[in-house]
Amino acid sequence: MIRIDRIWLSTEPLDMRAGPETCLARVVAVFGAAEAHQAYVFLNKRANRMKVLVHDGFGVWLAARRLHQGRFMPARAWQQHPLELTDEQLQALVVGLPWYQVGKEQAISLL
């Protein structure tokens, strides 16, 4: 498996037609650099599609996810940019739960 030490969520939407090179350029523009063993998560404007770019130390991996119903919970305007996520917050985000309410106990405390 790919080792991921840190997960970053962009608060700016990404055009989902973007390929690996465009996503990598966006990571460099938004985050300053694509660091090894870090994942970079982007959502589209409607928040029904997600792309994750992972730098594994040798190259990059690009994964995409699409929801047929519902939306991912995007970052709020009041949250810092870029935003670091925990593993538990990423798991909640991927299934459409309010990831920003996942606490230290790895439980959603408020809906």
PDB file of N, CA and C in Angstrom:
ATOM      1  N   MET A   1       0.829  -1.182   0.000  1.00  0.00           N
ATOM      2  CA  MET A   1       0.000   0.000   0.000  1.00  0.00           C
ATOM      3  C   MET A   1       0.875   1.247   0.000  1.00  0.00           C
ATOM      4  N   ILE A   2       0.260   2.343  -0.327  1.00  0.00           N
ATOM      5  CA  ILE A   2       0.954   3.624  -0.361  1.00  0.00           C
ATOM      6  C   ILE A   2       0.924   4.235   1.034  1.00  0.00           C
ATOM      7  N   ARG A   3       2.082   4.657   1.516  1.00  0.00           N
ATOM      8  CA  ARG A   3       2.158   5.295   2.827  1.00  0.00           C
ATOM      9  C   ARG A   3       1.746   6.761   2.702  1.00  0.00           C
ATOM     10  N   ILE A   4       0.802   7.180   3.551  1.00  0.00           N
ATOM     11  CA  ILE A   4       0.363   8.568   3.582  1.00  0.00           C
ATOM     12  C   ILE A   4       0.520   9.078   5.004  1.00  0.00           C
ATOM     13  N   ASP A   5       1.396  10.065   5.168  1.00  0.00           N
ATOM     14  CA  ASP A   5       1.657  10.627   6.491  1.00  0.00           C
ATOM     15  C   ASP A   5       0.761  11.824   6.807  1.00  0.00           C
ATOM     16  N   ARG A   6       0.428  12.607   5.792  1.00  0.00           N
ATOM     17  CA  ARG A   6      -0.403  13.795   5.999  1.00  0.00           C
ATOM     18  C   ARG A   6      -1.414  13.908   4.868  1.00  0.00           C
ATOM     19  N   ILE A   7      -2.582  14.454   5.208  1.00  0.00           N
ATOM     20  CA  ILE A   7      -3.672  14.617   4.236  1.00  0.00           C
ATOM     21  C   ILE A   7      -4.075  16.081   4.237  1.00  0.00           C
ATOM     22  N   TRP A   8      -4.128  16.668   3.061  1.00  0.00           N
ATOM     23  CA  TRP A   8      -4.474  18.078   2.920  1.00  0.00           C
ATOM     24  C   TRP A   8      -5.734  18.224   2.082  1.00  0.00           C
ATOM     25  N   LEU A   9      -6.629  19.103   2.497  1.00  0.00           N
ATOM     26  CA  LEU A   9      -7.858  19.398   1.762  1.00  0.00           C
ATOM     27  C   LEU A   9      -7.791  20.829   1.255  1.00  0.00           C
ATOM     28  N   SER A  10      -7.963  20.992  -0.045  1.00  0.00           N
ATOM     29  CA  SER A  10      -8.009  22.329  -0.619  1.00  0.00           C
ATOM     30  C   SER A  10      -9.403  22.904  -0.415  1.00  0.00           C
ATOM     31  N   THR A  11      -9.474  24.164  -0.050  1.00  0.00           N
ATOM     32  CA  THR A  11     -10.776  24.814   0.114  1.00  0.00           C
ATOM     33  C   THR A  11     -11.255  25.423  -1.193  1.00  0.00           C
ATOM     34  N   GLU A  12     -10.421  25.400  -2.238  1.00  0.00           N
ATOM     35  CA  GLU A  12     -10.789  25.905  -3.555  1.00  0.00           C
ATOM     36  C   GLU A  12     -11.209  24.734  -4.446  1.00  0.00           C
ATOM     37  N   PRO A  13     -12.308  24.870  -5.211  1.00  0.00           N
ATOM     38  CA  PRO A  13     -12.744  23.768  -6.078  1.00  0.00           C
ATOM     39  C   PRO A  13     -11.773  23.526  -7.237  1.00  0.00           C
ATOM     40  N   LEU A  14     -11.821  22.313  -7.756  1.00  0.00           N
ATOM     41  CA  LEU A  14     -10.977  21.906  -8.875  1.00  0.00           C
ATOM     42  C   LEU A  14     -11.867  21.410 -10.007  1.00  0.00           C
ATOM     43  N   ASP A  15     -11.507  21.752 -11.244  1.00  0.00           N
ATOM     44  CA  ASP A  15     -12.193  21.236 -12.423  1.00  0.00           C
ATOM     45  C   ASP A  15     -11.863  19.745 -12.528  1.00  0.00           C
ATOM     46  N   MET A  16     -12.866  18.901 -12.503  1.00  0.00           N
ATOM     47  CA  MET A  16     -12.643  17.456 -12.478  1.00  0.00           C
ATOM     48  C   MET A  16     -12.161  16.881 -13.808  1.00  0.00           C
ATOM     49  N   ARG A  17     -12.051  17.698 -14.829  1.00  0.00           N
ATOM     50  CA  ARG A  17     -11.444  17.241 -16.086  1.00  0.00           C
ATOM     51  C   ARG A  17      -9.926  17.214 -15.979  1.00  0.00           C
ATOM     52  N   ALA A  18      -9.391  17.754 -14.906  1.00  0.00           N
ATOM     53  CA  ALA A  18      -7.944  17.839 -14.714  1.00  0.00           C
ATOM     54  C   ALA A  18      -7.317  16.455 -14.598  1.00  0.00           C
ATOM     55  N   GLY A  19      -6.203  16.291 -15.270  1.00  0.00           N
ATOM     56  CA  GLY A  19      -5.450  15.041 -15.196  1.00  0.00           C
ATOM     57  C   GLY A  19      -4.335  15.146 -14.166  1.00  0.00           C
ATOM     58  N   PRO A  20      -3.454  14.150 -14.130  1.00  0.00           N
ATOM     59  CA  PRO A  20      -2.379  14.136 -13.127  1.00  0.00           C
ATOM     60  C   PRO A  20      -1.456  15.362 -13.180  1.00  0.00           C
ATOM     61  N   GLU A  21      -1.079  15.799 -14.380  1.00  0.00           N
ATOM     62  CA  GLU A  21      -0.173  16.940 -14.487  1.00  0.00           C
ATOM     63  C   GLU A  21      -0.836  18.232 -14.015  1.00  0.00           C
ATOM     64  N   THR A  22      -2.099  18.424 -14.389  1.00  0.00           N
ATOM     65  CA  THR A  22      -2.826  19.622 -13.970  1.00  0.00           C
ATOM     66  C   THR A  22      -3.046  19.608 -12.463  1.00  0.00           C
ATOM     67  N   CYS A  23      -3.391  18.448 -11.907  1.00  0.00           N
ATOM     68  CA  CYS A  23      -3.574  18.341 -10.454  1.00  0.00           C
ATOM     69  C   CYS A  23      -2.266  18.600  -9.721  1.00  0.00           C
ATOM     70  N   LEU A  24      -1.162  18.078 -10.258  1.00  0.00           N
ATOM     71  CA  LEU A  24       0.141  18.302  -9.637  1.00  0.00           C
ATOM     72  C   LEU A  24       0.497  19.782  -9.675  1.00  0.00           C
ATOM     73  N   ALA A  25       0.227  20.453 -10.794  1.00  0.00           N
ATOM     74  CA  ALA A  25       0.482  21.895 -10.886  1.00  0.00           C
ATOM     75  C   ALA A  25      -0.376  22.650  -9.879  1.00  0.00           C
ATOM     76  N   ARG A  26      -1.617  22.214  -9.684  1.00  0.00           N
ATOM     77  CA  ARG A  26      -2.500  22.863  -8.706  1.00  0.00           C
ATOM     78  C   ARG A  26      -1.984  22.650  -7.285  1.00  0.00           C
ATOM     79  N   VAL A  27      -1.480  21.446  -6.998  1.00  0.00           N
ATOM     80  CA  VAL A  27      -0.907  21.173  -5.676  1.00  0.00           C
ATOM     81  C   VAL A  27       0.262  22.112  -5.416  1.00  0.00           C
ATOM     82  N   VAL A  28       1.139  22.256  -6.390  1.00  0.00           N
ATOM     83  CA  VAL A  28       2.298  23.138  -6.227  1.00  0.00           C
ATOM     84  C   VAL A  28       1.836  24.585  -6.041  1.00  0.00           C
ATOM     85  N   ALA A  29       0.811  25.015  -6.794  1.00  0.00           N
ATOM     86  CA  ALA A  29       0.309  26.386  -6.674  1.00  0.00           C
ATOM     87  C   ALA A  29      -0.369  26.630  -5.326  1.00  0.00           C
ATOM     88  N   VAL A  30      -1.158  25.674  -4.859  1.00  0.00           N
ATOM     89  CA  VAL A  30      -1.925  25.849  -3.626  1.00  0.00           C
ATOM     90  C   VAL A  30      -1.093  25.549  -2.380  1.00  0.00           C
ATOM     91  N   PHE A  31      -0.329  24.466  -2.411  1.00  0.00           N
ATOM     92  CA  PHE A  31       0.377  23.998  -1.221  1.00  0.00           C
ATOM     93  C   PHE A  31       1.869  24.351  -1.209  1.00  0.00           C
ATOM     94  N   GLY A  32       2.394  24.874  -2.304  1.00  0.00           N
ATOM     95  CA  GLY A  32       3.804  25.254  -2.374  1.00  0.00           C
ATOM     96  C   GLY A  32       4.694  24.181  -2.951  1.00  0.00           C
ATOM     97  N   ALA A  33       4.384  22.919  -2.709  1.00  0.00           N
ATOM     98  CA  ALA A  33       5.163  21.788  -3.226  1.00  0.00           C
ATOM     99  C   ALA A  33       4.373  20.510  -3.003  1.00  0.00           C
ATOM    100  N   ALA A  34       4.676  19.504  -3.791  1.00  0.00           N
ATOM    101  CA  ALA A  34       4.087  18.181  -3.590  1.00  0.00           C
ATOM    102  C   ALA A  34       5.088  17.369  -2.777  1.00  0.00           C
ATOM    103  N   GLU A  35       4.813  17.216  -1.503  1.00  0.00           N
ATOM    104  CA  GLU A  35       5.719  16.505  -0.600  1.00  0.00           C
ATOM    105  C   GLU A  35       5.471  14.998  -0.675  1.00  0.00           C
ATOM    106  N   ALA A  36       6.538  14.229  -0.506  1.00  0.00           N
ATOM    107  CA  ALA A  36       6.416  12.769  -0.522  1.00  0.00           C
ATOM    108  C   ALA A  36       5.575  12.292   0.653  1.00  0.00           C
ATOM    109  N   HIS A  37       4.781  11.267   0.416  1.00  0.00           N
ATOM    110  CA  HIS A  37       3.933  10.610   1.414  1.00  0.00           C
ATOM    111  C   HIS A  37       2.844  11.533   1.958  1.00  0.00           C
ATOM    112  N   GLN A  38       2.363  12.406   1.086  1.00  0.00           N
ATOM    113  CA  GLN A  38       1.256  13.277   1.452  1.00  0.00           C
ATOM    114  C   GLN A  38       0.170  13.173   0.391  1.00  0.00           C
ATOM    115  N   ALA A  39      -1.085  13.298   0.842  1.00  0.00           N
ATOM    116  CA  ALA A  39      -2.239  13.242  -0.053  1.00  0.00           C
ATOM    117  C   ALA A  39      -2.875  14.626  -0.127  1.00  0.00           C
ATOM    118  N   TYR A  40      -3.348  14.978  -1.305  1.00  0.00           N
ATOM    119  CA  TYR A  40      -3.963  16.274  -1.547  1.00  0.00           C
ATOM    120  C   TYR A  40      -5.360  16.033  -2.113  1.00  0.00           C
ATOM    121  N   VAL A  41      -6.370  16.519  -1.405  1.00  0.00           N
ATOM    122  CA  VAL A  41      -7.766  16.249  -1.744  1.00  0.00           C
ATOM    123  C   VAL A  41      -8.399  17.514  -2.322  1.00  0.00           C
ATOM    124  N   PHE A  42      -9.091  17.334  -3.457  1.00  0.00           N
ATOM    125  CA  PHE A  42      -9.799  18.423  -4.110  1.00  0.00           C
ATOM    126  C   PHE A  42     -11.235  17.997  -4.388  1.00  0.00           C
ATOM    127  N   LEU A  43     -12.171  18.927  -4.253  1.00  0.00           N
ATOM    128  CA  LEU A  43     -13.568  18.705  -4.609  1.00  0.00           C
ATOM    129  C   LEU A  43     -13.923  19.644  -5.752  1.00  0.00           C
ATOM    130  N   ASN A  44     -14.979  19.291  -6.496  1.00  0.00           N
ATOM    131  CA  ASN A  44     -15.475  20.203  -7.519  1.00  0.00           C
ATOM    132  C   ASN A  44     -16.455  21.193  -6.892  1.00  0.00           C
ATOM    133  N   LYS A  45     -16.964  22.146  -7.692  1.00  0.00           N
ATOM    134  CA  LYS A  45     -17.864  23.175  -7.162  1.00  0.00           C
ATOM    135  C   LYS A  45     -19.148  22.597  -6.582  1.00  0.00           C
ATOM    136  N   ARG A  46     -19.702  21.568  -7.223  1.00  0.00           N
ATOM    137  CA  ARG A  46     -20.948  20.967  -6.732  1.00  0.00           C
ATOM    138  C   ARG A  46     -20.714  19.982  -5.596  1.00  0.00           C
ATOM    139  N   ALA A  47     -19.470  19.707  -5.300  1.00  0.00           N
ATOM    140  CA  ALA A  47     -19.073  18.812  -4.206  1.00  0.00           C
ATOM    141  C   ALA A  47     -19.627  17.401  -4.358  1.00  0.00           C
ATOM    142  N   ASN A  48     -19.796  16.943  -5.596  1.00  0.00           N
ATOM    143  CA  ASN A  48     -20.213  15.563  -5.816  1.00  0.00           C
ATOM    144  C   ASN A  48     -19.088  14.720  -6.424  1.00  0.00           C
ATOM    145  N   ARG A  49     -17.935  15.341  -6.649  1.00  0.00           N
ATOM    146  CA  ARG A  49     -16.768  14.632  -7.169  1.00  0.00           C
ATOM    147  C   ARG A  49     -15.534  15.036  -6.373  1.00  0.00           C
ATOM    148  N   MET A  50     -14.630  14.073  -6.257  1.00  0.00           N
ATOM    149  CA  MET A  50     -13.412  14.278  -5.479  1.00  0.00           C
ATOM    150  C   MET A  50     -12.235  13.695  -6.252  1.00  0.00           C
ATOM    151  N   LYS A  51     -11.096  14.378  -6.175  1.00  0.00           N
ATOM    152  CA  LYS A  51      -9.843  13.831  -6.692  1.00  0.00           C
ATOM    153  C   LYS A  51      -8.816  13.904  -5.583  1.00  0.00           C
ATOM    154  N   VAL A  52      -8.013  12.857  -5.482  1.00  0.00           N
ATOM    155  CA  VAL A  52      -6.955  12.777  -4.481  1.00  0.00           C
ATOM    156  C   VAL A  52      -5.648  12.486  -5.202  1.00  0.00           C
ATOM    157  N   LEU A  53      -4.696  13.363  -5.020  1.00  0.00           N
ATOM    158  CA  LEU A  53      -3.367  13.185  -5.586  1.00  0.00           C
ATOM    159  C   LEU A  53      -2.423  12.789  -4.454  1.00  0.00           C
ATOM    160  N   VAL A  54      -1.698  11.694  -4.636  1.00  0.00           N
ATOM    161  CA  VAL A  54      -0.761  11.199  -3.622  1.00  0.00           C
ATOM    162  C   VAL A  54       0.620  11.103  -4.246  1.00  0.00           C
ATOM    163  N   HIS A  55       1.594  11.681  -3.565  1.00  0.00           N
ATOM    164  CA  HIS A  55       2.994  11.560  -3.968  1.00  0.00           C
ATOM    165  C   HIS A  55       3.604  10.462  -3.108  1.00  0.00           C
ATOM    166  N   ASP A  56       4.030   9.353  -3.723  1.00  0.00           N
ATOM    167  CA  ASP A  56       4.537   8.214  -2.956  1.00  0.00           C
ATOM    168  C   ASP A  56       6.057   8.214  -2.796  1.00  0.00           C
ATOM    169  N   GLY A  57       6.714   9.268  -3.236  1.00  0.00           N
ATOM    170  CA  GLY A  57       8.169   9.335  -3.156  1.00  0.00           C
ATOM    171  C   GLY A  57       8.844   9.007  -4.473  1.00  0.00           C
ATOM    172  N   PHE A  58       8.128   8.336  -5.370  1.00  0.00           N
ATOM    173  CA  PHE A  58       8.662   7.973  -6.680  1.00  0.00           C
ATOM    174  C   PHE A  58       7.891   8.633  -7.810  1.00  0.00           C
ATOM    175  N   GLY A  59       6.619   8.852  -7.607  1.00  0.00           N
ATOM    176  CA  GLY A  59       5.741   9.437  -8.613  1.00  0.00           C
ATOM    177  C   GLY A  59       4.433   9.824  -7.949  1.00  0.00           C
ATOM    178  N   VAL A  60       3.435  10.086  -8.760  1.00  0.00           N
ATOM    179  CA  VAL A  60       2.148  10.499  -8.212  1.00  0.00           C
ATOM    180  C   VAL A  60       1.056   9.511  -8.613  1.00  0.00           C
ATOM    181  N   TRP A  61       0.069   9.395  -7.746  1.00  0.00           N
ATOM    182  CA  TRP A  61      -1.130   8.605  -7.963  1.00  0.00           C
ATOM    183  C   TRP A  61      -2.297   9.581  -7.954  1.00  0.00           C
ATOM    184  N   LEU A  62      -3.254   9.376  -8.847  1.00  0.00           N
ATOM    185  CA  LEU A  62      -4.445  10.219  -8.881  1.00  0.00           C
ATOM    186  C   LEU A  62      -5.663   9.313  -8.809  1.00  0.00           C
ATOM    187  N   ALA A  63      -6.488   9.541  -7.806  1.00  0.00           N
ATOM    188  CA  ALA A  63      -7.711   8.752  -7.620  1.00  0.00           C
ATOM    189  C   ALA A  63      -8.898   9.699  -7.720  1.00  0.00           C
ATOM    190  N   ALA A  64     -10.012   9.165  -8.211  1.00  0.00           N
ATOM    191  CA  ALA A  64     -11.232   9.963  -8.334  1.00  0.00           C
ATOM    192  C   ALA A  64     -12.395   9.207  -7.710  1.00  0.00           C
ATOM    193  N   ARG A  65     -13.334   9.964  -7.165  1.00  0.00           N
ATOM    194  CA  ARG A  65     -14.548   9.383  -6.579  1.00  0.00           C
ATOM    195  C   ARG A  65     -15.711  10.273  -6.962  1.00  0.00           C
ATOM    196  N   ARG A  66     -16.831   9.651  -7.279  1.00  0.00           N
ATOM    197  CA  ARG A  66     -18.029  10.381  -7.669  1.00  0.00           C
ATOM    198  C   ARG A  66     -19.214   9.855  -6.884  1.00  0.00           C
ATOM    199  N   LEU A  67     -19.995  10.763  -6.322  1.00  0.00           N
ATOM    200  CA  LEU A  67     -21.231  10.376  -5.653  1.00  0.00           C
ATOM    201  C   LEU A  67     -22.383  10.512  -6.640  1.00  0.00           C
ATOM    202  N   HIS A  68     -23.207   9.488  -6.733  1.00  0.00           N
ATOM    203  CA  HIS A  68     -24.372   9.553  -7.622  1.00  0.00           C
ATOM    204  C   HIS A  68     -25.539  10.266  -6.954  1.00  0.00           C
ATOM    205  N   GLN A  69     -25.548  10.267  -5.637  1.00  0.00           N
ATOM    206  CA  GLN A  69     -26.550  10.993  -4.873  1.00  0.00           C
ATOM    207  C   GLN A  69     -25.855  11.684  -3.714  1.00  0.00           C
ATOM    208  N   GLY A  70     -26.333  12.852  -3.345  1.00  0.00           N
ATOM    209  CA  GLY A  70     -25.758  13.571  -2.223  1.00  0.00           C
ATOM    210  C   GLY A  70     -24.504  14.319  -2.617  1.00  0.00           C
ATOM    211  N   ARG A  71     -23.805  14.828  -1.600  1.00  0.00           N
ATOM    212  CA  ARG A  71     -22.603  15.617  -1.809  1.00  0.00           C
ATOM    213  C   ARG A  71     -21.574  15.301  -0.728  1.00  0.00           C
ATOM    214  N   PHE A  72     -20.327  15.568  -1.064  1.00  0.00           N
ATOM    215  CA  PHE A  72     -19.280  15.567  -0.053  1.00  0.00           C
ATOM    216  C   PHE A  72     -19.449  16.848   0.750  1.00  0.00           C
ATOM    217  N   MET A  73     -18.992  16.855   1.977  1.00  0.00           N
ATOM    218  CA  MET A  73     -19.051  18.052   2.803  1.00  0.00           C
ATOM    219  C   MET A  73     -17.795  18.878   2.524  1.00  0.00           C
ATOM    220  N   PRO A  74     -17.922  19.977   1.775  1.00  0.00           N
ATOM    221  CA  PRO A  74     -16.728  20.782   1.472  1.00  0.00           C
ATOM    222  C   PRO A  74     -16.251  21.550   2.690  1.00  0.00           C
ATOM    223  N   ALA A  75     -15.035  22.045   2.601  1.00  0.00           N
ATOM    224  CA  ALA A  75     -14.495  22.889   3.672  1.00  0.00           C
ATOM    225  C   ALA A  75     -15.306  24.178   3.730  1.00  0.00           C
ATOM    226  N   ARG A  76     -15.492  24.699   4.902  1.00  0.00           N
ATOM    227  CA  ARG A  76     -16.231  25.946   5.096  1.00  0.00           C
ATOM    228  C   ARG A  76     -15.328  27.142   4.840  1.00  0.00           C
ATOM    229  N   ALA A  77     -15.934  28.257   4.503  1.00  0.00           N
ATOM    230  CA  ALA A  77     -15.174  29.474   4.210  1.00  0.00           C
ATOM    231  C   ALA A  77     -14.338  29.927   5.406  1.00  0.00           C
ATOM    232  N   TRP A  78     -14.801  29.622   6.625  1.00  0.00           N
ATOM    233  CA  TRP A  78     -14.083  30.066   7.819  1.00  0.00           C
ATOM    234  C   TRP A  78     -12.892  29.190   8.159  1.00  0.00           C
ATOM    235  N   GLN A  79     -12.749  28.059   7.488  1.00  0.00           N
ATOM    236  CA  GLN A  79     -11.631  27.166   7.798  1.00  0.00           C
ATOM    237  C   GLN A  79     -10.363  27.650   7.099  1.00  0.00           C
ATOM    238  N   GLN A  80      -9.244  27.378   7.708  1.00  0.00           N
ATOM    239  CA  GLN A  80      -7.966  27.810   7.138  1.00  0.00           C
ATOM    240  C   GLN A  80      -7.735  27.154   5.785  1.00  0.00           C
ATOM    241  N   HIS A  81      -6.844  27.716   5.033  1.00  0.00           N
ATOM    242  CA  HIS A  81      -6.542  27.185   3.713  1.00  0.00           C
ATOM    243  C   HIS A  81      -5.039  27.044   3.598  1.00  0.00           C
ATOM    244  N   PRO A  82      -4.500  25.933   3.208  1.00  0.00           N
ATOM    245  CA  PRO A  82      -5.132  24.618   3.103  1.00  0.00           C
ATOM    246  C   PRO A  82      -5.378  24.007   4.478  1.00  0.00           C
ATOM    247  N   LEU A  83      -6.177  22.983   4.485  1.00  0.00           N
ATOM    248  CA  LEU A  83      -6.638  22.392   5.735  1.00  0.00           C
ATOM    249  C   LEU A  83      -6.091  20.971   5.868  1.00  0.00           C
ATOM    250  N   GLU A  84      -5.483  20.652   7.007  1.00  0.00           N
ATOM    251  CA  GLU A  84      -4.969  19.301   7.227  1.00  0.00           C
ATOM    252  C   GLU A  84      -6.060  18.436   7.848  1.00  0.00           C
ATOM    253  N   LEU A  85      -6.233  17.234   7.317  1.00  0.00           N
ATOM    254  CA  LEU A  85      -7.237  16.290   7.802  1.00  0.00           C
ATOM    255  C   LEU A  85      -6.564  15.117   8.508  1.00  0.00           C
ATOM    256  N   THR A  86      -7.292  14.510   9.431  1.00  0.00           N
ATOM    257  CA  THR A  86      -6.852  13.251  10.029  1.00  0.00           C
ATOM    258  C   THR A  86      -7.355  12.106   9.154  1.00  0.00           C
ATOM    259  N   ASP A  87      -6.869  10.898   9.403  1.00  0.00           N
ATOM    260  CA  ASP A  87      -7.354   9.728   8.667  1.00  0.00           C
ATOM    261  C   ASP A  87      -8.859   9.562   8.852  1.00  0.00           C
ATOM    262  N   GLU A  88      -9.330   9.766  10.085  1.00  0.00           N
ATOM    263  CA  GLU A  88     -10.747   9.596  10.390  1.00  0.00           C
ATOM    264  C   GLU A  88     -11.593  10.648   9.667  1.00  0.00           C
ATOM    265  N   GLN A  89     -11.092  11.868   9.586  1.00  0.00           N
ATOM    266  CA  GLN A  89     -11.822  12.915   8.868  1.00  0.00           C
ATOM    267  C   GLN A  89     -11.900  12.600   7.381  1.00  0.00           C
ATOM    268  N   LEU A  90     -10.818  12.059   6.807  1.00  0.00           N
ATOM    269  CA  LEU A  90     -10.849  11.674   5.396  1.00  0.00           C
ATOM    270  C   LEU A  90     -11.868  10.569   5.165  1.00  0.00           C
ATOM    271  N   GLN A  91     -11.898   9.573   6.042  1.00  0.00           N
ATOM    272  CA  GLN A  91     -12.868   8.487   5.897  1.00  0.00           C
ATOM    273  C   GLN A  91     -14.301   9.020   5.948  1.00  0.00           C
ATOM    274  N   ALA A  92     -14.571   9.979   6.824  1.00  0.00           N
ATOM    275  CA  ALA A  92     -15.902  10.586   6.904  1.00  0.00           C
ATOM    276  C   ALA A  92     -16.199  11.385   5.638  1.00  0.00           C
ATOM    277  N   LEU A  93     -15.225  12.155   5.166  1.00  0.00           N
ATOM    278  CA  LEU A  93     -15.410  12.952   3.951  1.00  0.00           C
ATOM    279  C   LEU A  93     -15.740  12.073   2.757  1.00  0.00           C
ATOM    280  N   VAL A  94     -15.031  10.972   2.600  1.00  0.00           N
ATOM    281  CA  VAL A  94     -15.202  10.088   1.447  1.00  0.00           C
ATOM    282  C   VAL A  94     -16.623   9.516   1.359  1.00  0.00           C
ATOM    283  N   VAL A  95     -17.256   9.288   2.485  1.00  0.00           N
ATOM    284  CA  VAL A  95     -18.620   8.730   2.460  1.00  0.00           C
ATOM    285  C   VAL A  95     -19.696   9.797   2.593  1.00  0.00           C
ATOM    286  N   GLY A  96     -19.287  11.079   2.626  1.00  0.00           N
ATOM    287  CA  GLY A  96     -20.258  12.156   2.643  1.00  0.00           C
ATOM    288  C   GLY A  96     -20.722  12.606   4.012  1.00  0.00           C
ATOM    289  N   LEU A  97     -20.037  12.183   5.074  1.00  0.00           N
ATOM    290  CA  LEU A  97     -20.402  12.604   6.429  1.00  0.00           C
ATOM    291  C   LEU A  97     -19.745  13.946   6.764  1.00  0.00           C
ATOM    292  N   PRO A  98     -20.243  14.645   7.773  1.00  0.00           N
ATOM    293  CA  PRO A  98     -19.637  15.927   8.163  1.00  0.00           C
ATOM    294  C   PRO A  98     -18.282  15.712   8.833  1.00  0.00           C
ATOM    295  N   TRP A  99     -17.246  15.617   8.042  1.00  0.00           N
ATOM    296  CA  TRP A  99     -15.902  15.286   8.495  1.00  0.00           C
ATOM    297  C   TRP A  99     -15.372  16.283   9.509  1.00  0.00           C
ATOM    298  N   TYR A 100     -15.788  17.541   9.431  1.00  0.00           N
ATOM    299  CA  TYR A 100     -15.270  18.575  10.327  1.00  0.00           C
ATOM    300  C   TYR A 100     -15.818  18.437  11.741  1.00  0.00           C
ATOM    301  N   GLN A 101     -16.748  17.506  11.953  1.00  0.00           N
ATOM    302  CA  GLN A 101     -17.264  17.259  13.295  1.00  0.00           C
ATOM    303  C   GLN A 101     -16.700  15.990  13.914  1.00  0.00           C
ATOM    304  N   VAL A 102     -15.773  15.336  13.235  1.00  0.00           N
ATOM    305  CA  VAL A 102     -15.126  14.148  13.785  1.00  0.00           C
ATOM    306  C   VAL A 102     -14.088  14.610  14.789  1.00  0.00           C
ATOM    307  N   GLY A 103     -14.236  14.162  16.040  1.00  0.00           N
ATOM    308  CA  GLY A 103     -13.364  14.618  17.118  1.00  0.00           C
ATOM    309  C   GLY A 103     -12.244  13.658  17.422  1.00  0.00           C
ATOM    310  N   LYS A 104     -11.613  13.873  18.550  1.00  0.00           N
ATOM    311  CA  LYS A 104     -10.490  13.050  18.968  1.00  0.00           C
ATOM    312  C   LYS A 104     -10.901  11.614  19.238  1.00  0.00           C
ATOM    313  N   GLU A 105     -12.170  11.384  19.566  1.00  0.00           N
ATOM    314  CA  GLU A 105     -12.640  10.039  19.842  1.00  0.00           C
ATOM    315  C   GLU A 105     -13.040   9.296  18.568  1.00  0.00           C
ATOM    316  N   GLN A 106     -12.737   9.885  17.391  1.00  0.00           N
ATOM    317  CA  GLN A 106     -13.081   9.328  16.088  1.00  0.00           C
ATOM    318  C   GLN A 106     -14.582   9.073  15.961  1.00  0.00           C
ATOM    319  N   ALA A 107     -15.385   9.967  16.521  1.00  0.00           N
ATOM    320  CA  ALA A 107     -16.833   9.850  16.452  1.00  0.00           C
ATOM    321  C   ALA A 107     -17.422  11.188  16.060  1.00  0.00           C
ATOM    322  N   ILE A 108     -18.489  11.142  15.290  1.00  0.00           N
ATOM    323  CA  ILE A 108     -19.188  12.364  14.929  1.00  0.00           C
ATOM    324  C   ILE A 108     -20.033  12.767  16.122  1.00  0.00           C
ATOM    325  N   SER A 109     -19.789  13.964  16.615  1.00  0.00           N
ATOM    326  CA  SER A 109     -20.430  14.387  17.855  1.00  0.00           C
ATOM    327  C   SER A 109     -21.705  15.183  17.636  1.00  0.00           C
ATOM    328  N   LEU A 110     -21.929  15.714  16.424  1.00  0.00           N
ATOM    329  CA  LEU A 110     -23.100  16.549  16.193  1.00  0.00           C
ATOM    330  C   LEU A 110     -23.457  16.493  14.730  1.00  0.00           C
ATOM    331  N   LEU A 111     -24.720  16.304  14.405  1.00  0.00           N
ATOM    332  CA  LEU A 111     -25.162  16.331  13.008  1.00  0.00           C
ATOM    333  C   LEU A 111     -25.983  17.555  12.733  1.00  0.00           C
TER     334      LEU A 111
END
